N, C-alpha and C. Protein backbone atom coordinates (compact mmCIF):
# COMPACT_ATOMS: atom_id res chain seq x y z
N MET A 1 0.83 -1.18 0.00
CA MET A 1 0.00 0.00 0.00
C MET A 1 0.87 1.23 0.00
N ARG A 2 0.28 2.25 -0.54
CA ARG A 2 1.01 3.51 -0.57
C ARG A 2 1.07 4.13 0.80
N GLY A 3 2.23 4.82 1.08
CA GLY A 3 2.35 5.54 2.34
C GLY A 3 2.80 4.68 3.50
N GLN A 4 2.88 3.37 3.32
CA GLN A 4 3.29 2.55 4.43
C GLN A 4 4.81 2.51 4.58
N ASN A 5 5.54 2.69 3.49
CA ASN A 5 7.00 2.66 3.54
C ASN A 5 7.48 4.05 3.98
N ARG A 6 7.96 4.15 5.20
CA ARG A 6 8.35 5.46 5.74
C ARG A 6 9.66 5.95 5.12
N PHE A 7 10.49 5.04 4.62
CA PHE A 7 11.75 5.44 4.01
C PHE A 7 11.68 5.21 2.52
N GLY A 8 10.90 6.03 1.84
CA GLY A 8 10.74 5.93 0.39
C GLY A 8 11.91 6.57 -0.32
N LEU A 9 11.76 6.76 -1.62
CA LEU A 9 12.83 7.29 -2.46
C LEU A 9 13.16 8.74 -2.10
N SER A 10 12.14 9.56 -1.85
CA SER A 10 12.41 10.98 -1.54
C SER A 10 13.11 11.11 -0.18
N ALA A 11 12.74 10.28 0.79
CA ALA A 11 13.40 10.33 2.09
C ALA A 11 14.85 9.90 1.97
N MET A 12 15.11 8.96 1.10
CA MET A 12 16.48 8.48 0.89
C MET A 12 17.33 9.57 0.24
N LYS A 13 16.76 10.33 -0.72
CA LYS A 13 17.48 11.43 -1.37
C LYS A 13 17.80 12.52 -0.35
N THR A 14 16.87 12.83 0.53
CA THR A 14 17.08 13.85 1.55
C THR A 14 18.19 13.43 2.51
N LEU A 15 18.20 12.14 2.89
CA LEU A 15 19.23 11.62 3.79
C LEU A 15 20.61 11.70 3.14
N ILE A 16 20.70 11.37 1.87
CA ILE A 16 21.99 11.43 1.15
C ILE A 16 22.46 12.88 1.04
N ALA A 17 21.53 13.78 0.70
CA ALA A 17 21.89 15.19 0.56
C ALA A 17 22.36 15.76 1.90
N ALA A 18 21.71 15.41 2.99
CA ALA A 18 22.12 15.89 4.31
C ALA A 18 23.49 15.34 4.69
N THR A 19 23.76 14.09 4.36
CA THR A 19 25.05 13.49 4.65
C THR A 19 26.17 14.19 3.87
N ILE A 20 25.92 14.47 2.60
CA ILE A 20 26.92 15.16 1.77
C ILE A 20 27.17 16.57 2.30
N ALA A 21 26.09 17.28 2.65
CA ALA A 21 26.24 18.64 3.17
C ALA A 21 27.02 18.64 4.48
N GLY A 22 26.73 17.71 5.35
CA GLY A 22 27.46 17.63 6.62
C GLY A 22 28.94 17.34 6.42
N THR A 23 29.23 16.45 5.49
CA THR A 23 30.62 16.12 5.18
C THR A 23 31.35 17.35 4.63
N MET A 24 30.68 18.12 3.76
CA MET A 24 31.30 19.32 3.19
C MET A 24 31.59 20.36 4.28
N VAL A 25 30.69 20.51 5.22
CA VAL A 25 30.90 21.46 6.32
C VAL A 25 32.09 21.04 7.16
N LEU A 26 32.19 19.77 7.48
CA LEU A 26 33.32 19.28 8.28
C LEU A 26 34.65 19.46 7.55
N VAL A 27 34.68 19.14 6.25
CA VAL A 27 35.92 19.25 5.48
C VAL A 27 36.33 20.72 5.35
N SER A 28 35.36 21.61 5.05
CA SER A 28 35.71 23.03 4.90
C SER A 28 36.15 23.62 6.24
N GLY A 29 35.57 23.18 7.34
CA GLY A 29 36.01 23.65 8.66
C GLY A 29 37.43 23.21 8.96
N ALA A 30 37.78 22.01 8.60
CA ALA A 30 39.14 21.51 8.83
C ALA A 30 40.14 22.26 7.97
N ILE A 31 39.77 22.54 6.72
CA ILE A 31 40.65 23.30 5.82
C ILE A 31 40.85 24.71 6.36
N TYR A 32 39.79 25.33 6.82
CA TYR A 32 39.89 26.70 7.38
C TYR A 32 40.78 26.72 8.62
N ALA A 33 40.59 25.74 9.50
CA ALA A 33 41.40 25.70 10.73
C ALA A 33 42.87 25.53 10.40
N GLN A 34 43.18 24.73 9.39
CA GLN A 34 44.57 24.52 9.00
C GLN A 34 45.14 25.79 8.37
N SER A 35 44.35 26.48 7.56
CA SER A 35 44.85 27.69 6.91
C SER A 35 45.08 28.81 7.92
N VAL A 36 44.28 28.88 8.97
CA VAL A 36 44.47 29.90 10.01
C VAL A 36 45.77 29.66 10.75
N GLN A 37 46.11 28.41 11.01
CA GLN A 37 47.33 28.09 11.74
C GLN A 37 48.57 28.38 10.90
N THR A 38 48.48 28.22 9.57
CA THR A 38 49.65 28.41 8.72
C THR A 38 49.62 29.72 7.96
N ALA A 39 48.65 30.60 8.24
CA ALA A 39 48.56 31.87 7.53
C ALA A 39 49.75 32.75 7.87
N PRO A 40 50.29 33.44 6.86
CA PRO A 40 51.44 34.32 7.15
C PRO A 40 51.01 35.52 7.98
N GLN A 41 51.93 36.03 8.77
CA GLN A 41 51.68 37.22 9.59
C GLN A 41 51.80 38.43 8.67
N ILE A 42 50.68 39.06 8.30
CA ILE A 42 50.73 40.18 7.36
C ILE A 42 50.74 41.52 8.08
N VAL A 43 50.45 41.54 9.36
CA VAL A 43 50.47 42.79 10.12
C VAL A 43 51.82 42.90 10.81
N PRO A 44 52.59 43.95 10.48
CA PRO A 44 53.91 44.06 11.12
C PRO A 44 53.78 44.44 12.59
N ARG A 45 54.75 44.01 13.38
CA ARG A 45 54.78 44.40 14.80
C ARG A 45 55.02 45.89 14.87
N VAL A 46 54.26 46.57 15.69
CA VAL A 46 54.44 48.00 15.85
C VAL A 46 55.32 48.29 17.05
N THR A 47 54.99 47.71 18.18
CA THR A 47 55.80 47.91 19.39
C THR A 47 55.78 46.63 20.21
N GLY A 48 56.57 46.62 21.25
CA GLY A 48 56.54 45.52 22.20
C GLY A 48 57.57 44.46 21.91
N ALA A 49 57.65 43.53 22.85
CA ALA A 49 58.62 42.44 22.76
C ALA A 49 58.10 41.35 21.85
N ALA A 50 59.02 40.64 21.19
CA ALA A 50 58.62 39.52 20.35
C ALA A 50 58.00 38.42 21.20
N LYS A 51 58.56 38.19 22.39
CA LYS A 51 57.99 37.22 23.31
C LYS A 51 57.11 37.99 24.30
N PRO A 52 55.92 37.50 24.58
CA PRO A 52 55.09 38.20 25.55
C PRO A 52 55.80 38.32 26.89
N MET A 53 55.68 39.45 27.52
CA MET A 53 56.27 39.76 28.82
C MET A 53 57.79 39.82 28.78
N GLY A 54 58.37 39.92 27.57
CA GLY A 54 59.81 40.04 27.46
C GLY A 54 60.26 41.46 27.76
N ASP A 55 61.52 41.61 28.17
CA ASP A 55 62.06 42.93 28.45
C ASP A 55 62.49 43.60 27.16
N VAL A 56 62.03 44.82 26.98
CA VAL A 56 62.39 45.60 25.80
C VAL A 56 62.83 46.98 26.28
N PRO A 57 63.98 47.45 25.83
CA PRO A 57 64.37 48.80 26.24
C PRO A 57 63.41 49.83 25.63
N ALA A 58 63.09 50.83 26.40
CA ALA A 58 62.19 51.88 25.92
C ALA A 58 62.87 52.68 24.83
N PRO A 59 62.16 52.98 23.74
CA PRO A 59 62.77 53.79 22.69
C PRO A 59 62.97 55.22 23.19
N PRO A 60 63.92 55.94 22.65
CA PRO A 60 64.13 57.33 23.08
C PRO A 60 62.92 58.19 22.69
N PHE A 61 62.67 59.21 23.49
CA PHE A 61 61.59 60.13 23.16
C PHE A 61 61.94 60.87 21.87
N PRO A 62 60.99 60.99 20.95
CA PRO A 62 61.28 61.76 19.75
C PRO A 62 61.41 63.24 20.10
N ARG A 63 62.28 63.93 19.37
CA ARG A 63 62.48 65.35 19.62
C ARG A 63 61.38 66.15 18.94
N PRO A 64 60.86 67.18 19.61
CA PRO A 64 59.83 68.00 18.97
C PRO A 64 60.42 68.84 17.85
N VAL A 65 59.64 69.05 16.81
CA VAL A 65 60.03 69.95 15.73
C VAL A 65 59.73 71.36 16.21
N THR A 66 60.74 72.19 16.25
CA THR A 66 60.58 73.53 16.83
C THR A 66 60.95 74.63 15.83
N ASP A 67 60.63 74.42 14.56
CA ASP A 67 61.00 75.42 13.57
C ASP A 67 59.96 76.53 13.42
N ASP A 68 58.85 76.43 14.12
CA ASP A 68 57.77 77.41 14.07
C ASP A 68 57.30 77.70 12.64
N LYS A 69 57.43 76.72 11.77
CA LYS A 69 57.00 76.87 10.38
C LYS A 69 55.62 76.26 10.23
N ARG A 70 54.71 76.99 9.64
CA ARG A 70 53.36 76.45 9.43
C ARG A 70 53.41 75.33 8.41
N VAL A 71 52.71 74.25 8.71
CA VAL A 71 52.69 73.07 7.85
C VAL A 71 51.38 73.05 7.08
N MET A 72 51.47 72.72 5.78
CA MET A 72 50.26 72.66 4.96
C MET A 72 49.33 71.55 5.48
N ARG A 73 48.05 71.81 5.44
CA ARG A 73 47.08 70.81 5.89
C ARG A 73 46.85 69.78 4.79
N ASN A 74 46.53 68.57 5.18
CA ASN A 74 46.33 67.48 4.23
C ASN A 74 44.92 67.40 3.68
N TYR A 75 43.95 67.93 4.40
CA TYR A 75 42.56 67.86 3.97
C TYR A 75 41.80 69.04 4.56
N PRO A 76 40.68 69.42 3.96
CA PRO A 76 39.90 70.54 4.49
C PRO A 76 39.44 70.25 5.91
N GLU A 77 39.38 71.28 6.71
CA GLU A 77 38.93 71.20 8.11
C GLU A 77 39.91 70.46 9.02
N GLN A 78 41.11 70.14 8.53
CA GLN A 78 42.11 69.51 9.41
C GLN A 78 42.60 70.56 10.40
N PRO A 79 42.63 70.23 11.69
CA PRO A 79 43.19 71.19 12.65
C PRO A 79 44.67 71.39 12.36
N PRO A 80 45.16 72.63 12.42
CA PRO A 80 46.59 72.83 12.18
C PRO A 80 47.42 72.16 13.26
N VAL A 81 48.62 71.73 12.87
CA VAL A 81 49.52 71.11 13.84
C VAL A 81 50.24 72.20 14.63
N ILE A 82 50.78 71.83 15.77
CA ILE A 82 51.50 72.78 16.62
C ILE A 82 52.96 72.74 16.20
N PRO A 83 53.51 73.84 15.66
CA PRO A 83 54.88 73.81 15.14
C PRO A 83 55.94 74.15 16.17
N HIS A 84 55.66 73.90 17.43
CA HIS A 84 56.65 74.18 18.47
C HIS A 84 56.43 73.21 19.63
N SER A 85 57.38 73.15 20.53
CA SER A 85 57.27 72.26 21.68
C SER A 85 56.24 72.81 22.67
N ILE A 86 55.46 71.92 23.25
CA ILE A 86 54.51 72.33 24.29
C ILE A 86 54.83 71.62 25.60
N GLU A 87 56.07 71.17 25.71
CA GLU A 87 56.49 70.50 26.94
C GLU A 87 56.37 71.48 28.11
N ASN A 88 55.84 71.01 29.21
CA ASN A 88 55.61 71.79 30.43
C ASN A 88 54.55 72.87 30.28
N TYR A 89 53.74 72.82 29.23
CA TYR A 89 52.62 73.75 29.12
C TYR A 89 51.55 73.32 30.10
N GLN A 90 50.98 74.26 30.78
CA GLN A 90 49.88 73.94 31.70
C GLN A 90 48.58 74.04 30.92
N LEU A 91 47.79 72.98 30.98
CA LEU A 91 46.50 72.93 30.29
C LEU A 91 45.51 72.27 31.24
N THR A 92 44.91 73.09 32.09
CA THR A 92 43.97 72.60 33.09
C THR A 92 42.69 73.42 32.99
N LEU A 93 41.74 73.12 33.88
CA LEU A 93 40.50 73.89 33.90
C LEU A 93 40.73 75.36 34.22
N ARG A 94 41.77 75.65 34.96
CA ARG A 94 42.03 77.02 35.40
C ARG A 94 43.09 77.75 34.55
N ALA A 95 43.89 77.03 33.80
CA ALA A 95 44.97 77.66 33.05
C ALA A 95 45.15 76.99 31.69
N ASN A 96 45.40 77.81 30.67
CA ASN A 96 45.68 77.31 29.33
C ASN A 96 46.79 78.18 28.75
N ARG A 97 48.00 77.65 28.76
CA ARG A 97 49.14 78.44 28.32
C ARG A 97 49.08 78.78 26.83
N CYS A 98 48.38 77.99 26.04
CA CYS A 98 48.26 78.28 24.61
C CYS A 98 47.62 79.65 24.38
N LEU A 99 46.67 79.99 25.25
CA LEU A 99 45.94 81.25 25.08
C LEU A 99 46.81 82.46 25.37
N GLU A 100 47.95 82.28 26.03
CA GLU A 100 48.84 83.40 26.32
C GLU A 100 49.43 84.00 25.04
N CYS A 101 49.46 83.24 23.97
CA CYS A 101 49.98 83.74 22.70
C CYS A 101 48.90 83.79 21.61
N HIS A 102 47.96 82.85 21.63
CA HIS A 102 47.01 82.70 20.53
C HIS A 102 45.67 83.40 20.75
N ARG A 103 45.42 83.92 21.91
CA ARG A 103 44.20 84.69 22.15
C ARG A 103 44.29 85.98 21.33
N ARG A 104 43.16 86.46 20.86
CA ARG A 104 43.11 87.61 19.96
C ARG A 104 43.89 88.81 20.49
N GLU A 105 43.80 89.09 21.77
CA GLU A 105 44.46 90.26 22.34
C GLU A 105 45.98 90.18 22.31
N TYR A 106 46.54 88.96 22.25
CA TYR A 106 47.99 88.79 22.40
C TYR A 106 48.71 88.45 21.10
N THR A 107 48.01 88.27 20.00
CA THR A 107 48.66 87.81 18.77
C THR A 107 49.61 88.85 18.19
N GLU A 108 49.31 90.14 18.35
CA GLU A 108 50.19 91.16 17.79
C GLU A 108 51.55 91.12 18.46
N GLY A 109 51.57 90.99 19.76
CA GLY A 109 52.84 90.97 20.50
C GLY A 109 53.59 89.66 20.35
N SER A 110 52.88 88.55 20.24
CA SER A 110 53.54 87.24 20.19
C SER A 110 53.88 86.80 18.77
N GLY A 111 53.15 87.32 17.78
CA GLY A 111 53.36 86.88 16.40
C GLY A 111 52.71 85.55 16.10
N ALA A 112 51.98 85.00 17.05
CA ALA A 112 51.31 83.70 16.85
C ALA A 112 50.00 83.92 16.11
N PRO A 113 49.55 82.95 15.33
CA PRO A 113 48.26 83.10 14.67
C PRO A 113 47.13 83.11 15.69
N MET A 114 46.10 83.89 15.38
CA MET A 114 44.96 83.98 16.28
C MET A 114 44.11 82.70 16.21
N ILE A 115 43.48 82.38 17.30
CA ILE A 115 42.56 81.25 17.35
C ILE A 115 41.45 81.50 16.33
N SER A 116 41.02 80.45 15.66
CA SER A 116 39.94 80.56 14.68
C SER A 116 38.66 81.06 15.34
N VAL A 117 37.86 81.79 14.59
CA VAL A 117 36.59 82.30 15.14
C VAL A 117 35.66 81.17 15.51
N THR A 118 35.85 79.99 14.93
CA THR A 118 35.00 78.84 15.28
C THR A 118 35.18 78.44 16.74
N HIS A 119 36.31 78.80 17.33
CA HIS A 119 36.57 78.45 18.73
C HIS A 119 35.80 79.34 19.71
N PHE A 120 35.14 80.36 19.19
CA PHE A 120 34.36 81.26 20.03
C PHE A 120 32.85 81.00 19.89
N MET A 121 32.48 79.99 19.10
CA MET A 121 31.06 79.67 18.88
C MET A 121 30.63 78.55 19.79
N ASP A 122 29.42 78.70 20.36
CA ASP A 122 28.89 77.61 21.16
C ASP A 122 28.19 76.61 20.25
N ARG A 123 27.56 75.62 20.82
CA ARG A 123 26.90 74.56 20.03
C ARG A 123 25.79 75.08 19.15
N ASP A 124 25.19 76.20 19.55
CA ASP A 124 24.07 76.76 18.79
C ASP A 124 24.53 77.79 17.76
N GLY A 125 25.83 77.98 17.61
CA GLY A 125 26.36 78.93 16.65
C GLY A 125 26.41 80.36 17.16
N GLN A 126 26.16 80.57 18.43
CA GLN A 126 26.21 81.90 19.03
C GLN A 126 27.66 82.25 19.36
N MET A 127 28.06 83.49 19.05
CA MET A 127 29.42 83.93 19.33
C MET A 127 29.55 84.28 20.81
N LEU A 128 30.66 83.84 21.41
CA LEU A 128 30.95 84.13 22.82
C LEU A 128 32.10 85.13 22.90
N ALA A 129 32.27 85.76 24.03
CA ALA A 129 33.36 86.71 24.23
C ALA A 129 34.69 86.02 24.42
N ASP A 130 34.69 84.76 24.85
CA ASP A 130 35.93 84.02 25.09
C ASP A 130 35.82 82.64 24.45
N VAL A 131 36.88 81.88 24.51
CA VAL A 131 36.91 80.55 23.92
C VAL A 131 35.82 79.69 24.55
N THR A 132 35.08 79.00 23.71
CA THR A 132 34.01 78.14 24.20
C THR A 132 34.61 76.97 24.99
N PRO A 133 33.94 76.51 26.03
CA PRO A 133 34.49 75.41 26.83
C PRO A 133 34.77 74.15 26.02
N ARG A 134 34.01 73.90 24.98
CA ARG A 134 34.25 72.68 24.20
C ARG A 134 35.47 72.78 23.30
N ARG A 135 36.05 73.97 23.15
CA ARG A 135 37.27 74.16 22.37
C ARG A 135 38.44 74.60 23.24
N TYR A 136 38.29 74.54 24.54
CA TYR A 136 39.29 75.05 25.47
C TYR A 136 40.54 74.18 25.53
N PHE A 137 40.39 72.87 25.45
CA PHE A 137 41.53 71.95 25.56
C PHE A 137 42.11 71.72 24.17
N CYS A 138 43.10 72.50 23.83
CA CYS A 138 43.66 72.56 22.48
C CYS A 138 44.17 71.21 21.98
N THR A 139 44.83 70.46 22.86
CA THR A 139 45.46 69.21 22.43
C THR A 139 44.46 68.09 22.17
N ALA A 140 43.18 68.37 22.31
CA ALA A 140 42.18 67.38 21.90
C ALA A 140 42.16 67.27 20.38
N CYS A 141 42.52 68.36 19.68
CA CYS A 141 42.54 68.36 18.21
C CYS A 141 43.91 68.67 17.62
N HIS A 142 44.64 69.58 18.25
CA HIS A 142 45.94 70.02 17.74
C HIS A 142 47.04 69.20 18.38
N VAL A 143 48.02 68.80 17.56
CA VAL A 143 49.10 67.97 18.07
C VAL A 143 50.45 68.56 17.68
N PRO A 144 51.45 68.46 18.57
CA PRO A 144 52.80 68.90 18.19
C PRO A 144 53.45 67.87 17.27
N GLN A 145 54.39 68.31 16.47
CA GLN A 145 55.10 67.42 15.56
C GLN A 145 56.43 67.03 16.16
N THR A 146 56.86 65.80 15.86
CA THR A 146 58.16 65.33 16.33
C THR A 146 58.93 64.74 15.15
N ASP A 147 60.18 64.40 15.39
CA ASP A 147 61.00 63.79 14.34
C ASP A 147 60.89 62.26 14.38
N ALA A 148 59.82 61.74 14.95
CA ALA A 148 59.65 60.29 15.08
C ALA A 148 59.49 59.65 13.70
N ARG A 149 60.05 58.46 13.57
CA ARG A 149 59.91 57.68 12.34
C ARG A 149 58.48 57.12 12.30
N PRO A 150 57.80 57.19 11.16
CA PRO A 150 56.43 56.64 11.10
C PRO A 150 56.41 55.15 11.43
N LEU A 151 55.39 54.72 12.15
CA LEU A 151 55.28 53.31 12.53
C LEU A 151 54.85 52.44 11.35
N VAL A 152 54.04 53.00 10.47
CA VAL A 152 53.60 52.28 9.28
C VAL A 152 53.78 53.19 8.07
N PRO A 153 53.97 52.64 6.89
CA PRO A 153 54.15 53.49 5.71
C PRO A 153 52.87 54.29 5.42
N ASN A 154 53.05 55.49 4.89
CA ASN A 154 51.92 56.35 4.56
C ASN A 154 51.90 56.56 3.06
N THR A 155 50.81 56.21 2.42
CA THR A 155 50.69 56.38 0.97
C THR A 155 49.68 57.45 0.61
N PHE A 156 49.42 58.36 1.54
CA PHE A 156 48.45 59.41 1.30
C PHE A 156 48.91 60.31 0.16
N THR A 157 47.99 60.61 -0.76
CA THR A 157 48.26 61.60 -1.79
C THR A 157 47.11 62.59 -1.82
N ASP A 158 47.46 63.84 -2.05
CA ASP A 158 46.46 64.89 -2.09
C ASP A 158 45.57 64.69 -3.32
N MET A 159 44.33 65.18 -3.26
CA MET A 159 43.40 65.01 -4.38
C MET A 159 43.95 65.66 -5.64
N LYS A 160 44.60 66.82 -5.51
CA LYS A 160 45.14 67.49 -6.69
C LYS A 160 46.24 66.65 -7.32
N ALA A 161 47.05 66.00 -6.50
CA ALA A 161 48.15 65.19 -7.01
C ALA A 161 47.64 63.91 -7.67
N SER A 162 46.49 63.41 -7.23
CA SER A 162 45.97 62.17 -7.83
C SER A 162 45.20 62.44 -9.11
N GLY A 163 44.95 63.71 -9.44
CA GLY A 163 44.31 64.04 -10.72
C GLY A 163 42.81 63.89 -10.72
N ARG A 164 42.19 63.94 -9.58
CA ARG A 164 40.72 63.82 -9.53
C ARG A 164 40.09 65.14 -9.24
C-alpha cells in the first residue's frame, strides 16, 4: 500500500543530501582551521617584545620639531599642527598656556596666529566673548610634531596630485 514505507525514495534522497552537506561542512572547517594556523603574519609588529612579557628597552623620546614653520594641511577642516614644543605647558581647567599667545588680544605681540573664530562659537552657533568650553583643551585636536619615524608606511596623496 502507498504511504506505508516510511523510508521511500524521496526520504532516501534527503538523507543522502544531508550526509553530503554535513561532510562538506566538516571538510571546509578543517581546511579553514589549518589555513588559520599556517597563515602568514601580514600585520607588522608595531611595538613591544617579540615574546610576551619580554624585556624591551624603551625607545628614546622623539624630539619635537621647533622650527615654528606652518605646515600645509592634508585635507579641508584639518586642525593645524602645533609647530613648536609644548612641553611643560599647563593645560587645566584654570589655566591654558596656549591662550597666552594665541588669544586675539595677544597675537600682535607674540606673532602667533589667532585662534579661529570657530573656537568662540557655542553649540548653537552663538558667538561668545571668550573661547568656548568645548574648544578650550587645544590638544584634543591640535598635536605637536616630532622627528619620530612613522610606525607604518603612509601612501596618502592629495586630491590634486591624484588628478581627480
